[in-house]
């Protein structure tokens, strides 16, 4: 009987770990979808990865909703030429994922070349089968 209990607990642990890994991979894919959409500036891609309830915080203190976030990037007011993400961590709690990373980007905001180096916290929420960006907050790296 003891062997059956141990075997059952081992099976449950492995199953839970596999499910957690699958969810982590799905969140990482959503982060990549966001990164790619921000570089392309494609309105449909930006809308697809973000929640209608989005709260998007900038390092300078400005906060945008989904429509403002999409318009600013799609119009080129905020133009990411390239984005590199480093030191990413993902923590999942039920249907909410907290992602932290460093963002290093080349920009061309309003046709003015520049660079940005930020620490980012993203909150994704699972909506149906998709992970959507619900909130973002950036702080300047020191």
C-alpha atoms as a PDB file:
ATOM      1  CA  UNK A   1       0.000   0.000   0.000  1.00  0.00           C
ATOM      2  CA  UNK A   2       2.844   2.392   0.875  1.00  0.00           C
ATOM      3  CA  UNK A   3       4.380   1.856  -2.591  1.00  0.00           C
ATOM      4  CA  UNK A   4       1.074   2.767  -4.243  1.00  0.00           C
ATOM      5  CA  UNK A   5       0.813   6.013  -2.263  1.00  0.00           C
ATOM      6  CA  UNK A   6       4.411   6.952  -3.101  1.00  0.00           C
ATOM      7  CA  UNK A   7       3.839   6.104  -6.772  1.00  0.00           C
ATOM      8  CA  UNK A   8       0.626   8.153  -6.844  1.00  0.00           C
ATOM      9  CA  UNK A   9       2.294  11.170  -5.204  1.00  0.00           C
ATOM     10  CA  UNK A  10       5.210  10.941  -7.623  1.00  0.00           C
ATOM     11  CA  UNK A  11       2.807  10.859 -10.561  1.00  0.00           C
ATOM     12  CA  UNK A  12       0.945  13.924  -9.228  1.00  0.00           C
ATOM     13  CA  UNK A  13       4.182  15.844  -8.747  1.00  0.00           C
ATOM     14  CA  UNK A  14       5.405  15.074 -12.269  1.00  0.00           C
ATOM     15  CA  UNK A  15       2.014  15.954 -13.782  1.00  0.00           C
ATOM     16  CA  UNK A  16       1.904  19.279 -11.922  1.00  0.00           C
ATOM     17  CA  UNK A  17       5.467  20.144 -12.960  1.00  0.00           C
ATOM     18  CA  UNK A  18       4.685  19.388 -16.614  1.00  0.00           C
ATOM     19  CA  UNK A  19       1.541  21.546 -16.505  1.00  0.00           C
ATOM     20  CA  UNK A  20       3.467  24.414 -14.897  1.00  0.00           C
ATOM     21  CA  UNK A  21       6.207  24.158 -17.546  1.00  0.00           C
ATOM     22  CA  UNK A  22       3.583  24.245 -20.320  1.00  0.00           C
ATOM     23  CA  UNK A  23       1.995  27.399 -18.846  1.00  0.00           C
ATOM     24  CA  UNK A  24       5.397  29.060 -18.400  1.00  0.00           C
ATOM     25  CA  UNK A  25       6.207  28.349 -22.046  1.00  0.00           C
ATOM     26  CA  UNK A  26       2.854  29.835 -23.101  1.00  0.00           C
ATOM     27  CA  UNK A  27       3.519  33.018 -21.113  1.00  0.00           C
ATOM     28  CA  UNK A  28       7.038  33.271 -22.581  1.00  0.00           C
ATOM     29  CA  UNK A  29       5.464  32.983 -26.045  1.00  0.00           C
ATOM     30  CA  UNK A  30       3.046  35.817 -25.177  1.00  0.00           C
ATOM     31  CA  UNK A  31       5.986  37.980 -24.056  1.00  0.00           C
ATOM     32  CA  UNK A  32       7.704  37.281 -27.382  1.00  0.00           C
ATOM     33  CA  UNK A  33       4.471  38.119 -29.215  1.00  0.00           C
ATOM     34  CA  UNK A  34       4.383  41.450 -27.345  1.00  0.00           C
ATOM     35  CA  UNK A  35       8.056  42.183 -28.117  1.00  0.00           C
ATOM     36  CA  UNK A  36       7.538  41.424 -31.790  1.00  0.00           C
ATOM     37  CA  UNK A  37       4.347  43.510 -31.977  1.00  0.00           C
ATOM     38  CA  UNK A  38       6.086  46.479 -30.353  1.00  0.00           C
ATOM     39  CA  UNK A  39       8.890  46.330 -32.922  1.00  0.00           C
ATOM     40  CA  UNK A  40       6.550  45.873 -35.899  1.00  0.00           C
ATOM     41  CA  UNK A  41       4.042  48.482 -34.699  1.00  0.00           C
ATOM     42  CA  UNK A  42       1.257  46.348 -36.149  1.00  0.00           C
ATOM     43  CA  UNK A  43      -2.081  47.459 -34.676  1.00  0.00           C
ATOM     44  CA  UNK A  44      -3.744  44.042 -34.932  1.00  0.00           C
ATOM     45  CA  UNK A  45      -0.785  42.309 -33.245  1.00  0.00           C
ATOM     46  CA  UNK A  46      -0.694  44.872 -30.438  1.00  0.00           C
ATOM     47  CA  UNK A  47      -4.448  44.511 -29.872  1.00  0.00           C
ATOM     48  CA  UNK A  48      -4.241  40.709 -29.947  1.00  0.00           C
ATOM     49  CA  UNK A  49      -1.625  40.457 -27.180  1.00  0.00           C
ATOM     50  CA  UNK A  50      -3.104  43.123 -24.870  1.00  0.00           C
ATOM     51  CA  UNK A  51      -6.224  43.174 -22.719  1.00  0.00           C
ATOM     52  CA  UNK A  52      -8.977  45.745 -23.193  1.00  0.00           C
ATOM     53  CA  UNK A  53      -8.386  46.521 -19.496  1.00  0.00           C
ATOM     54  CA  UNK A  54      -4.661  47.257 -20.056  1.00  0.00           C
ATOM     55  CA  UNK A  55      -2.844  49.658 -17.717  1.00  0.00           C
ATOM     56  CA  UNK A  56       0.526  50.441 -19.345  1.00  0.00           C
ATOM     57  CA  UNK A  57       2.922  52.389 -17.108  1.00  0.00           C
ATOM     58  CA  UNK A  58       5.964  54.190 -18.488  1.00  0.00           C
ATOM     59  CA  UNK A  59       9.192  54.892 -16.609  1.00  0.00           C
ATOM     60  CA  UNK A  60       8.453  58.623 -16.777  1.00  0.00           C
ATOM     61  CA  UNK A  61       5.142  58.214 -14.947  1.00  0.00           C
ATOM     62  CA  UNK A  62       2.657  58.286 -17.841  1.00  0.00           C
ATOM     63  CA  UNK A  63      -0.034  55.600 -17.796  1.00  0.00           C
ATOM     64  CA  UNK A  64      -1.926  54.521 -20.915  1.00  0.00           C
ATOM     65  CA  UNK A  65      -4.929  52.336 -21.617  1.00  0.00           C
ATOM     66  CA  UNK A  66      -4.991  49.812 -24.469  1.00  0.00           C
ATOM     67  CA  UNK A  67      -6.116  52.309 -27.136  1.00  0.00           C
ATOM     68  CA  UNK A  68      -3.442  54.852 -26.128  1.00  0.00           C
ATOM     69  CA  UNK A  69      -0.710  52.185 -25.963  1.00  0.00           C
ATOM     70  CA  UNK A  70      -1.564  50.827 -29.418  1.00  0.00           C
ATOM     71  CA  UNK A  71      -1.941  54.277 -31.024  1.00  0.00           C
ATOM     72  CA  UNK A  72       1.372  55.538 -29.662  1.00  0.00           C
ATOM     73  CA  UNK A  73       3.328  52.581 -31.042  1.00  0.00           C
ATOM     74  CA  UNK A  74       1.379  52.176 -34.311  1.00  0.00           C
ATOM     75  CA  UNK A  75       1.739  55.915 -35.093  1.00  0.00           C
ATOM     76  CA  UNK A  76       5.519  55.927 -34.553  1.00  0.00           C
ATOM     77  CA  UNK A  77       5.372  58.367 -31.629  1.00  0.00           C
ATOM     78  CA  UNK A  78       6.965  55.499 -29.732  1.00  0.00           C
ATOM     79  CA  UNK A  79       8.993  53.551 -32.293  1.00  0.00           C
ATOM     80  CA  UNK A  80      10.996  50.516 -31.217  1.00  0.00           C
ATOM     81  CA  UNK A  81      13.598  49.639 -33.853  1.00  0.00           C
ATOM     82  CA  UNK A  82      14.800  46.656 -31.820  1.00  0.00           C
ATOM     83  CA  UNK A  83      14.100  45.198 -28.393  1.00  0.00           C
ATOM     84  CA  UNK A  84      16.295  42.774 -26.482  1.00  0.00           C
ATOM     85  CA  UNK A  85      14.997  41.197 -23.275  1.00  0.00           C
ATOM     86  CA  UNK A  86      17.391  39.893 -20.620  1.00  0.00           C
ATOM     87  CA  UNK A  87      17.192  38.121 -17.251  1.00  0.00           C
ATOM     88  CA  UNK A  88      13.526  37.195 -17.611  1.00  0.00           C
ATOM     89  CA  UNK A  89      11.608  35.458 -14.831  1.00  0.00           C
ATOM     90  CA  UNK A  90       8.047  34.182 -14.989  1.00  0.00           C
ATOM     91  CA  UNK A  91       5.886  33.379 -11.980  1.00  0.00           C
ATOM     92  CA  UNK A  92       2.384  31.971 -12.470  1.00  0.00           C
ATOM     93  CA  UNK A  93      -0.433  32.042  -9.921  1.00  0.00           C
ATOM     94  CA  UNK A  94      -3.653  30.453 -11.225  1.00  0.00           C
ATOM     95  CA  UNK A  95      -4.627  32.595 -14.257  1.00  0.00           C
ATOM     96  CA  UNK A  96      -2.158  35.445 -13.596  1.00  0.00           C
ATOM     97  CA  UNK A  97       1.499  35.563 -14.627  1.00  0.00           C
ATOM     98  CA  UNK A  98       4.086  38.029 -13.385  1.00  0.00           C
ATOM     99  CA  UNK A  99       6.983  38.574 -15.774  1.00  0.00           C
ATOM    100  CA  UNK A 100      10.085  40.586 -14.926  1.00  0.00           C
ATOM    101  CA  UNK A 101      12.953  41.383 -17.271  1.00  0.00           C
ATOM    102  CA  UNK A 102      15.349  44.016 -18.498  1.00  0.00           C
ATOM    103  CA  UNK A 103      14.420  45.742 -21.746  1.00  0.00           C
ATOM    104  CA  UNK A 104      17.223  47.136 -23.891  1.00  0.00           C
ATOM    105  CA  UNK A 105      15.968  48.882 -27.025  1.00  0.00           C
ATOM    106  CA  UNK A 106      16.950  51.070 -29.924  1.00  0.00           C
ATOM    107  CA  UNK A 107      14.238  53.631 -30.577  1.00  0.00           C
ATOM    108  CA  UNK A 108      13.285  56.165 -33.212  1.00  0.00           C
ATOM    109  CA  UNK A 109      10.562  58.099 -31.363  1.00  0.00           C
ATOM    110  CA  UNK A 110       9.153  60.846 -33.587  1.00  0.00           C
ATOM    111  CA  UNK A 111      12.074  60.130 -35.955  1.00  0.00           C
ATOM    112  CA  UNK A 112      14.683  60.831 -33.231  1.00  0.00           C
ATOM    113  CA  UNK A 113      17.112  57.908 -32.694  1.00  0.00           C
ATOM    114  CA  UNK A 114      17.759  56.847 -29.125  1.00  0.00           C
ATOM    115  CA  UNK A 115      18.232  54.008 -26.667  1.00  0.00           C
ATOM    116  CA  UNK A 116      16.271  52.900 -23.642  1.00  0.00           C
ATOM    117  CA  UNK A 117      17.284  50.588 -20.802  1.00  0.00           C
ATOM    118  CA  UNK A 118      14.479  49.635 -18.419  1.00  0.00           C
ATOM    119  CA  UNK A 119      13.438  47.133 -15.806  1.00  0.00           C
ATOM    120  CA  UNK A 120       9.957  45.905 -16.624  1.00  0.00           C
ATOM    121  CA  UNK A 121       7.201  44.132 -14.751  1.00  0.00           C
ATOM    122  CA  UNK A 122       4.421  42.695 -16.886  1.00  0.00           C
ATOM    123  CA  UNK A 123       1.223  41.122 -15.627  1.00  0.00           C
ATOM    124  CA  UNK A 124      -0.496  38.734 -18.001  1.00  0.00           C
ATOM    125  CA  UNK A 125      -3.942  37.269 -17.369  1.00  0.00           C
ATOM    126  CA  UNK A 126      -5.268  34.198 -19.083  1.00  0.00           C
ATOM    127  CA  UNK A 127      -8.331  35.063 -21.159  1.00  0.00           C
ATOM    128  CA  UNK A 128      -9.784  31.906 -22.642  1.00  0.00           C
ATOM    129  CA  UNK A 129      -6.793  30.058 -24.073  1.00  0.00           C
ATOM    130  CA  UNK A 130      -4.614  33.163 -24.532  1.00  0.00           C
ATOM    131  CA  UNK A 131      -2.386  35.123 -22.171  1.00  0.00           C
ATOM    132  CA  UNK A 132      -3.115  38.867 -22.497  1.00  0.00           C
ATOM    133  CA  UNK A 133      -1.063  41.770 -21.177  1.00  0.00           C
ATOM    134  CA  UNK A 134      -3.126  43.269 -18.340  1.00  0.00           C
ATOM    135  CA  UNK A 135      -0.555  45.628 -16.802  1.00  0.00           C
ATOM    136  CA  UNK A 136       2.978  46.865 -17.344  1.00  0.00           C
ATOM    137  CA  UNK A 137       5.264  49.064 -15.275  1.00  0.00           C
ATOM    138  CA  UNK A 138       8.719  50.258 -16.288  1.00  0.00           C
ATOM    139  CA  UNK A 139      11.493  51.841 -14.240  1.00  0.00           C
ATOM    140  CA  UNK A 140      14.756  53.269 -15.508  1.00  0.00           C
ATOM    141  CA  UNK A 141      17.839  51.175 -14.861  1.00  0.00           C
ATOM    142  CA  UNK A 142      20.390  52.820 -12.598  1.00  0.00           C
END
